[in-house]
Protein backbone atom coordinates (compact mmCIF):
# COMPACT_ATOMS: atom_id res chain seq x y z
CA UNK A 1 -13.26 14.44 -2.84
CA UNK A 2 -12.16 12.68 0.60
CA UNK A 3 -9.20 10.41 -0.63
CA UNK A 4 -8.64 8.78 3.08
CA UNK A 5 -10.31 6.15 5.38
CA UNK A 6 -11.28 9.35 7.99
CA UNK A 7 -9.07 12.27 7.43
CA UNK A 8 -11.36 15.36 6.21
CA UNK A 9 -14.89 13.39 6.85
CA UNK A 10 -15.87 16.00 9.48
CA UNK A 11 -15.49 18.70 8.07
CA UNK A 12 -17.19 17.43 4.51
CA UNK A 13 -19.81 16.34 6.46
CA UNK A 14 -19.92 19.76 8.16
CA UNK A 15 -20.12 21.40 4.79
CA UNK A 16 -22.74 19.58 3.58
CA UNK A 17 -24.93 20.55 7.11
CA UNK A 18 -24.75 24.18 6.61
CA UNK A 19 -23.87 24.90 2.98
CA UNK A 20 -25.17 21.59 1.74
CA UNK A 21 -22.33 20.91 -0.23
CA UNK A 22 -21.84 17.44 -1.38
CA UNK A 23 -19.10 14.77 -1.56
CA UNK A 24 -17.40 11.90 -2.70
CA UNK A 25 -15.73 9.56 -0.15
CA UNK A 26 -12.99 6.93 -1.12
CA UNK A 27 -11.94 4.96 1.86
CA UNK A 28 -9.31 3.14 -0.61
CA UNK A 29 -7.40 5.20 -2.73
CA UNK A 30 -7.46 3.67 -5.84
CA UNK A 31 -4.28 1.99 -6.87
CA UNK A 32 -3.85 -0.09 -9.91
CA UNK A 33 -6.10 -0.38 -13.14
CA UNK A 34 -8.03 -2.86 -11.17
CA UNK A 35 -9.02 0.09 -8.77
CA UNK A 36 -9.54 2.50 -11.02
CA UNK A 37 -11.65 1.31 -14.03
CA UNK A 38 -15.11 3.70 -14.58
CA UNK A 39 -15.80 2.32 -17.83
CA UNK A 40 -19.40 4.47 -18.44
CA UNK A 41 -17.30 7.86 -17.88
CA UNK A 42 -13.72 7.53 -19.90
CA UNK A 43 -13.95 4.22 -21.22
CA UNK A 44 -11.32 5.51 -23.96
CA UNK A 45 -8.83 6.92 -21.12
CA UNK A 46 -8.65 3.90 -19.48
CA UNK A 47 -8.58 1.63 -21.78
CA UNK A 48 -5.31 3.12 -23.23
CA UNK A 49 -3.96 3.33 -19.76
CA UNK A 50 -4.71 0.01 -18.58
CA UNK A 51 -3.05 -1.11 -21.75
CA UNK A 52 -0.04 0.76 -20.97
CA UNK A 53 0.00 -0.28 -17.31
CA UNK A 54 -0.45 -4.43 -18.01
CA UNK A 55 2.47 -3.81 -20.98
CA UNK A 56 4.86 -3.43 -17.67
CA UNK A 57 3.83 -6.71 -16.46
CA UNK A 58 4.35 -8.09 -20.10
CA UNK A 59 7.29 -7.26 -20.67
CA UNK A 60 8.59 -8.39 -17.37
CA UNK A 61 6.86 -12.21 -17.19
CA UNK A 62 10.26 -13.99 -18.56
CA UNK A 63 11.69 -12.52 -15.89
CA UNK A 64 9.35 -13.05 -13.21
CA UNK A 65 9.07 -16.43 -14.17
CA UNK A 66 12.44 -17.25 -14.00
CA UNK A 67 13.19 -15.92 -10.73
CA UNK A 68 9.22 -16.55 -8.76
CA UNK A 69 11.14 -18.66 -6.12
CA UNK A 70 12.85 -15.28 -5.12
CA UNK A 71 10.90 -12.83 -5.05
CA UNK A 72 9.07 -11.95 -1.74
CA UNK A 73 5.23 -12.89 -1.20
CA UNK A 74 4.12 -11.56 1.83
CA UNK A 75 3.66 -8.17 2.98
CA UNK A 76 3.92 -5.92 6.32
CA UNK A 77 2.78 -2.46 5.55
CA UNK A 78 3.84 0.11 7.57
CA UNK A 79 1.95 3.39 7.10
CA UNK A 80 -0.91 6.08 7.39
CA UNK A 81 -3.77 4.30 6.61
CA UNK A 82 -4.93 5.95 3.23
CA UNK A 83 -1.92 4.72 1.89
CA UNK A 84 -2.30 0.96 3.48
CA UNK A 85 -5.17 0.47 2.12
CA UNK A 86 -4.60 1.71 -1.54
CA UNK A 87 -1.53 -0.65 -1.59
CA UNK A 88 -2.34 -3.37 0.22
CA UNK A 89 -5.12 -3.71 -2.17
CA UNK A 90 -3.36 -3.57 -5.31
CA UNK A 91 -0.53 -5.76 -4.00
CA UNK A 92 -2.46 -8.49 -3.03
CA UNK A 93 -5.04 -8.36 -5.45
CA UNK A 94 -3.88 -7.70 -8.37
CA UNK A 95 -0.30 -9.00 -7.61
CA UNK A 96 -0.68 -11.86 -5.29
CA UNK A 97 0.76 -11.59 -1.72
CA UNK A 98 -0.66 -12.48 1.47
CA UNK A 99 -0.81 -10.17 3.87
CA UNK A 100 1.34 -10.53 7.22
CA UNK A 101 0.53 -7.83 8.78
CA UNK A 102 -1.00 -3.54 8.67
CA UNK A 103 0.66 -1.71 11.44
CA UNK A 104 -1.47 2.26 10.79
CA UNK A 105 0.67 4.93 11.70
CA UNK A 106 -1.78 8.03 11.88
CA UNK A 107 -2.97 7.99 14.70
CA UNK A 108 -6.33 7.41 14.01
CA UNK A 109 -9.20 8.16 16.61
CA UNK A 110 -10.86 5.24 18.08
CA UNK A 111 -14.23 5.70 16.59
CA UNK A 112 -12.70 5.50 13.15
CA UNK A 113 -10.57 2.24 13.52
CA UNK A 114 -12.98 -0.59 12.95
CA UNK A 115 -14.52 1.34 10.12
CA UNK A 116 -10.34 0.70 8.88
CA UNK A 117 -10.65 -2.69 9.81
CA UNK A 118 -13.74 -3.60 7.61
CA UNK A 119 -12.04 -2.07 4.79
CA UNK A 120 -8.48 -4.05 5.15
CA UNK A 121 -10.94 -7.37 5.73
CA UNK A 122 -12.97 -6.29 2.36
CA UNK A 123 -9.20 -6.79 0.92
CA UNK A 124 -8.81 -9.78 2.37
CA UNK A 125 -10.05 -11.85 5.67
CA UNK A 126 -6.04 -12.76 6.32
CA UNK A 127 -6.54 -9.53 7.81
CA UNK A 128 -9.31 -9.96 10.10
CA UNK A 129 -6.89 -9.74 13.06
CA UNK A 130 -3.90 -8.19 11.69
CA UNK A 131 -4.77 -4.88 11.57
CA UNK A 132 -2.68 -2.70 14.34
CA UNK A 133 -2.79 0.95 15.29
CA UNK A 134 0.71 1.96 16.26
CA UNK A 135 2.49 5.20 15.92
CA UNK A 136 5.76 3.76 18.29
CA UNK A 137 8.33 2.71 15.49
CA UNK A 138 9.89 0.45 18.14
CA UNK A 139 7.32 -1.43 18.89
CA UNK A 140 6.28 -2.15 14.96
CA UNK A 141 10.39 -3.05 14.87
CA UNK A 142 9.60 -5.18 18.24
CA UNK A 143 6.31 -7.09 16.92
CA UNK A 144 8.26 -7.41 13.07
CA UNK A 145 11.31 -9.24 14.60
CA UNK A 146 9.39 -11.21 17.36
CA UNK A 147 7.36 -13.03 13.85
CA UNK A 148 8.26 -15.45 12.33
CA UNK A 149 9.52 -14.20 8.75
CA UNK A 150 11.23 -15.90 5.75
CA UNK A 151 14.77 -13.91 4.35
CA UNK A 152 14.12 -12.68 0.78
CA UNK A 153 10.47 -13.69 1.05
CA UNK A 154 8.75 -10.45 2.72
CA UNK A 155 8.69 -7.08 1.55
CA UNK A 156 8.08 -4.30 3.88
CA UNK A 157 6.45 -1.29 2.52
CA UNK A 158 7.34 1.62 5.38
CA UNK A 159 9.96 3.88 5.03
CA UNK A 160 14.00 4.57 6.17
CA UNK A 161 12.92 3.94 9.80
CA UNK A 162 12.62 0.72 8.63
CA UNK A 163 15.99 0.41 7.03
CA UNK A 164 18.01 -1.31 9.96
CA UNK A 165 14.98 -3.74 10.00
CA UNK A 166 15.30 -4.68 6.31
CA UNK A 167 18.88 -5.19 6.90
CA UNK A 168 18.30 -7.09 10.06
CA UNK A 169 15.96 -9.81 8.65
CA UNK A 170 16.85 -9.94 5.15
CA UNK A 171 13.65 -8.27 3.28
CA UNK A 172 13.07 -6.08 0.45
CA UNK A 173 11.89 -2.69 1.31
CA UNK A 174 9.78 -0.13 -0.81
CA UNK A 175 9.09 3.40 0.92
CA UNK A 176 5.75 4.00 1.34
CA UNK A 177 5.50 6.69 3.74
CA UNK A 178 8.06 9.15 4.93
CA UNK A 179 10.34 9.70 5.83
CA UNK A 180 11.89 9.53 2.40
CA UNK A 181 14.97 11.56 2.29
CA UNK A 182 16.86 9.77 -0.27
CA UNK A 183 14.77 10.36 -3.28
CA UNK A 184 13.44 13.83 -4.96
CA UNK A 185 9.80 13.25 -5.93
CA UNK A 186 8.60 15.77 -8.24
CA UNK A 187 5.96 14.21 -10.69
CA UNK A 188 4.90 11.11 -9.54
CA UNK A 189 2.52 9.28 -7.69
CA UNK A 190 1.22 5.93 -5.80
CA UNK A 191 -2.57 6.91 -6.47
CA UNK A 192 -4.15 5.71 -9.94
CA UNK A 193 -2.50 3.03 -12.77
CA UNK A 194 0.27 5.21 -13.15
CA UNK A 195 1.86 5.25 -9.47
CA UNK A 196 5.48 4.99 -8.76
CA UNK A 197 7.42 2.68 -6.43
CA UNK A 198 9.95 3.71 -4.52
CA UNK A 199 11.78 0.74 -4.29
CA UNK A 200 15.30 0.80 -2.00
CA UNK A 201 16.67 -2.17 -4.31
CA UNK A 202 15.67 -3.11 -7.93
CA UNK A 203 14.19 -6.90 -7.86
CA UNK A 204 17.37 -7.77 -9.24
CA UNK A 205 19.37 -7.00 -6.43
CA UNK A 206 16.85 -8.92 -3.82
CA UNK A 207 18.69 -12.19 -5.16
CA UNK A 208 21.68 -11.29 -3.21
CA UNK A 209 20.07 -12.19 0.30
């Protein structure tokens, strides 16, 4: 099973050619209940997990309603292609975020870039001209600083390298990619409905900006 838009495909194809080994390819890792539903095979388990998953949103509904004007709704994604696709799909299609730009940082070979852009467009047509392949963190920061950003309305999915940027443009940040040095992650994952967002500041702290 390949959970990436490009990493591992050549190896899987070689194994299939030499040994007739079948493989499954998921270019966008499943994040959230909607992306992980498979009612034909594991209906009972999925139903239980989905109920638990949505209880988080029901429990937080009053809080979100009261401070909805203070929560971010625009999204920068700075991560490798695998996590960038999965997390963006969840935040945009399930939580209603608006994409500002996706910066792909895993040095993708050129022959796979169109495929990744296509997967982002499936998430939202807004991504048509908003996917950039860039491994230079300084260049990414420069691009974001030059954009028009409304303080506290923009969420950054990135790493600790974006901490200074977060403070300067007054945007909350959620750690999605390495380096993450102030969290010890032992048993959590971003994949599936039981994900873990490593938020540098809790939601209520966003009100300080």
